[in-house]
Every structure is written in C-alpha cells, then in structure tokens.
Amino acid sequence: MAQLKGEKGAVEEPELHRIRITLSSTKVKSLEKVCAELIRGAKEKKLNVKGPVRLPTKFLRITTRKTPCGEGSKTWDRYQMRIHKRLIDMRSPSEVVKQIVSYA
C-alpha cells in the first residue's frame, strides 16, 4: 500500500476505506432511485460495492380519539408512518466516494 523506502519509481496507492452508507426515507421509490444512482456511480469507477441491503421497515403508529372533547361515540383514528432503510457498503479511497456521493 505505502511506498517503501529506497524503491525508485514506486507508485503510492491511495488508502482504501470501508465505507458504509445508510439511507432512510418514507418513500420507497425515491430511496431505490438514490440507491441505484449511488451503485451505478460506484460501478463506473470500478469500486467494490455490496448492497443495497434492505433493513427492516420501522412503523411509527399513533392512535387518537376523533372527538376533541370526549363526547359522543368512542371512535378512533389510526395513523402510521413507515420508515424504509437501505445499507450500501463500499471499499474505496475517500476522495472517490466524495465524488460519487455529491448528489445534487
């Protein structure tokens, strides 16, 4: 990896880092789109990529009464928000990952 002392003409390789990117969103389509773009960019740079690993979906649930005062029939509203997560692992120099991740 590093250049040895006394060797002439040796090329110094950049240090490879293990990089883990965790993406989360409430919208699955946009999350899958971003994952696909990250992986496509990494494969163009010939990087070692693993993923996207689909992590379990988190359900945030709120149950509340419909009536504000407590009068009337006991009816309830149930709301839930789903949070989807994806995990991407890469092995590459940090400069290259900064280029790939600069998503705008």
C-alpha atoms as a PDB file:
ATOM      1  CA  MET A   1       0.000   0.000   0.000  1.00  0.00           C
ATOM      2  CA  ALA A   2       2.554   2.562   1.066  1.00  0.00           C
ATOM      3  CA  GLN A   3       5.753   3.308  -0.786  1.00  0.00           C
ATOM      4  CA  LEU A   4       8.813   1.522   0.574  1.00  0.00           C
ATOM      5  CA  LYS A   5      11.985   3.494   1.299  1.00  0.00           C
ATOM      6  CA  GLY A   6      14.701   3.086  -1.277  1.00  0.00           C
ATOM      7  CA  GLU A   7      12.430   1.969  -4.113  1.00  0.00           C
ATOM      8  CA  LYS A   8      12.578   4.182  -7.163  1.00  0.00           C
ATOM      9  CA  GLY A   9       9.555   4.681  -9.350  1.00  0.00           C
ATOM     10  CA  ALA A  10       7.126   3.031  -6.928  1.00  0.00           C
ATOM     11  CA  VAL A  11       3.612   4.385  -7.221  1.00  0.00           C
ATOM     12  CA  GLU A  12       1.863   5.191  -3.963  1.00  0.00           C
ATOM     13  CA  GLU A  13      -1.646   3.734  -3.882  1.00  0.00           C
ATOM     14  CA  PRO A  14      -4.379   5.628  -2.046  1.00  0.00           C
ATOM     15  CA  GLU A  15      -5.561   4.021   1.170  1.00  0.00           C
ATOM     16  CA  LEU A  16      -8.778   2.029   0.795  1.00  0.00           C
ATOM     17  CA  HIS A  17     -11.510   2.695   3.350  1.00  0.00           C
ATOM     18  CA  ARG A  18     -14.510   0.593   4.232  1.00  0.00           C
ATOM     19  CA  ILE A  19     -17.420   2.976   3.847  1.00  0.00           C
ATOM     20  CA  ARG A  20     -20.973   2.222   4.965  1.00  0.00           C
ATOM     21  CA  ILE A  21     -23.786   4.450   3.689  1.00  0.00           C
ATOM     22  CA  THR A  22     -27.172   4.235   5.411  1.00  0.00           C
ATOM     23  CA  LEU A  23     -30.129   5.762   3.594  1.00  0.00           C
ATOM     24  CA  SER A  24     -33.589   6.188   5.092  1.00  0.00           C
ATOM     25  CA  SER A  25     -36.815   7.589   3.700  1.00  0.00           C
ATOM     26  CA  THR A  26     -40.580   7.333   3.956  1.00  0.00           C
ATOM     27  CA  LYS A  27     -40.866   6.982   0.165  1.00  0.00           C
ATOM     28  CA  VAL A  28     -39.626   3.700  -1.297  1.00  0.00           C
ATOM     29  CA  LYS A  29     -39.366   4.847  -4.921  1.00  0.00           C
ATOM     30  CA  SER A  30     -37.088   7.789  -4.165  1.00  0.00           C
ATOM     31  CA  LEU A  31     -34.956   5.639  -1.855  1.00  0.00           C
ATOM     32  CA  GLU A  32     -34.486   2.946  -4.523  1.00  0.00           C
ATOM     33  CA  LYS A  33     -33.683   5.628  -7.117  1.00  0.00           C
ATOM     34  CA  VAL A  34     -30.910   7.135  -4.963  1.00  0.00           C
ATOM     35  CA  CYS A  35     -29.509   3.665  -4.195  1.00  0.00           C
ATOM     36  CA  ALA A  36     -29.422   2.807  -7.899  1.00  0.00           C
ATOM     37  CA  GLU A  37     -27.612   6.068  -8.722  1.00  0.00           C
ATOM     38  CA  LEU A  38     -25.006   5.520  -5.997  1.00  0.00           C
ATOM     39  CA  ILE A  39     -24.338   1.959  -7.131  1.00  0.00           C
ATOM     40  CA  ARG A  40     -24.202   2.960 -10.801  1.00  0.00           C
ATOM     41  CA  GLY A  41     -21.687   5.709  -9.998  1.00  0.00           C
ATOM     42  CA  ALA A  42     -19.563   3.318  -7.945  1.00  0.00           C
ATOM     43  CA  LYS A  43     -19.537   0.659 -10.666  1.00  0.00           C
ATOM     44  CA  GLU A  44     -18.476   3.264 -13.235  1.00  0.00           C
ATOM     45  CA  LYS A  45     -15.435   3.963 -11.029  1.00  0.00           C
ATOM     46  CA  LYS A  46     -14.777   0.177 -10.737  1.00  0.00           C
ATOM     47  CA  LEU A  47     -15.320   0.055  -6.967  1.00  0.00           C
ATOM     48  CA  ASN A  48     -16.201  -2.930  -4.809  1.00  0.00           C
ATOM     49  CA  VAL A  49     -19.870  -2.395  -3.831  1.00  0.00           C
ATOM     50  CA  LYS A  50     -22.207  -4.528  -1.735  1.00  0.00           C
ATOM     51  CA  GLY A  51     -25.854  -3.676  -1.448  1.00  0.00           C
ATOM     52  CA  PRO A  52     -28.392  -2.250  -1.201  1.00  0.00           C
ATOM     53  CA  VAL A  53     -29.242  -4.312   1.858  1.00  0.00           C
ATOM     54  CA  ARG A  54     -32.863  -3.801   2.838  1.00  0.00           C
ATOM     55  CA  LEU A  55     -33.166  -3.297   6.583  1.00  0.00           C
ATOM     56  CA  PRO A  56     -36.468  -3.902   8.424  1.00  0.00           C
ATOM     57  CA  THR A  57     -39.119  -1.222   7.981  1.00  0.00           C
ATOM     58  CA  LYS A  58     -39.908   0.800  11.087  1.00  0.00           C
ATOM     59  CA  PHE A  59     -43.604   1.535  11.738  1.00  0.00           C
ATOM     60  CA  LEU A  60     -44.404   4.622  13.816  1.00  0.00           C
ATOM     61  CA  ARG A  61     -48.027   4.339  14.940  1.00  0.00           C
ATOM     62  CA  ILE A  62     -50.296   6.883  16.631  1.00  0.00           C
ATOM     63  CA  THR A  63     -53.850   6.077  17.728  1.00  0.00           C
ATOM     64  CA  THR A  64     -56.008   9.019  18.793  1.00  0.00           C
ATOM     65  CA  ARG A  65     -59.659   9.763  19.542  1.00  0.00           C
ATOM     66  CA  LYS A  66     -61.614  11.534  16.799  1.00  0.00           C
ATOM     67  CA  THR A  67     -63.596  13.769  19.132  1.00  0.00           C
ATOM     68  CA  PRO A  68     -61.643  16.578  20.829  1.00  0.00           C
ATOM     69  CA  CYS A  69     -63.929  16.844  23.887  1.00  0.00           C
ATOM     70  CA  GLY A  70     -64.547  13.181  24.703  1.00  0.00           C
ATOM     71  CA  GLU A  71     -68.298  13.319  23.997  1.00  0.00           C
ATOM     72  CA  GLY A  72     -70.088  11.047  21.551  1.00  0.00           C
ATOM     73  CA  SER A  73     -69.232   7.579  20.374  1.00  0.00           C
ATOM     74  CA  LYS A  74     -65.772   6.272  21.001  1.00  0.00           C
ATOM     75  CA  THR A  75     -64.235   6.376  17.523  1.00  0.00           C
ATOM     76  CA  TRP A  76     -60.509   6.271  16.894  1.00  0.00           C
ATOM     77  CA  ASP A  77     -58.143   7.393  14.148  1.00  0.00           C
ATOM     78  CA  ARG A  78     -55.072   5.284  13.436  1.00  0.00           C
ATOM     79  CA  TYR A  79     -52.091   6.905  11.725  1.00  0.00           C
ATOM     80  CA  GLN A  80     -48.813   5.301  10.793  1.00  0.00           C
ATOM     81  CA  MET A  81     -45.580   6.364   9.146  1.00  0.00           C
ATOM     82  CA  ARG A  82     -43.265   3.800   7.578  1.00  0.00           C
ATOM     83  CA  ILE A  83     -39.513   4.414   7.536  1.00  0.00           C
ATOM     84  CA  HIS A  84     -37.572   2.330   4.994  1.00  0.00           C
ATOM     85  CA  LYS A  85     -33.797   1.871   5.267  1.00  0.00           C
ATOM     86  CA  ARG A  86     -31.097   0.731   2.846  1.00  0.00           C
ATOM     87  CA  LEU A  87     -27.451  -0.053   3.540  1.00  0.00           C
ATOM     88  CA  ILE A  88     -24.603   0.177   0.990  1.00  0.00           C
ATOM     89  CA  ASP A  89     -21.008  -0.945   1.688  1.00  0.00           C
ATOM     90  CA  MET A  90     -18.030   0.242  -0.405  1.00  0.00           C
ATOM     91  CA  ARG A  91     -14.277  -0.239  -0.338  1.00  0.00           C
ATOM     92  CA  SER A  92     -12.562   2.725  -1.933  1.00  0.00           C
ATOM     93  CA  PRO A  93     -10.497   5.871  -1.331  1.00  0.00           C
ATOM     94  CA  SER A  94     -12.424   8.621   0.423  1.00  0.00           C
ATOM     95  CA  GLU A  95     -11.896  11.129  -2.426  1.00  0.00           C
ATOM     96  CA  VAL A  96     -13.671   8.867  -4.908  1.00  0.00           C
ATOM     97  CA  VAL A  97     -16.623   8.344  -2.562  1.00  0.00           C
ATOM     98  CA  LYS A  98     -16.971  12.112  -2.129  1.00  0.00           C
ATOM     99  CA  GLN A  99     -17.320  12.413  -5.914  1.00  0.00           C
ATOM    100  CA  ILE A 100     -19.947   9.668  -6.068  1.00  0.00           C
ATOM    101  CA  VAL A 101     -21.975  10.881  -3.072  1.00  0.00           C
ATOM    102  CA  SER A 102     -22.060  14.517  -4.195  1.00  0.00           C
ATOM    103  CA  TYR A 103     -25.652  14.068  -5.298  1.00  0.00           C
ATOM    104  CA  ALA A 104     -27.437  17.266  -6.190  1.00  0.00           C
END
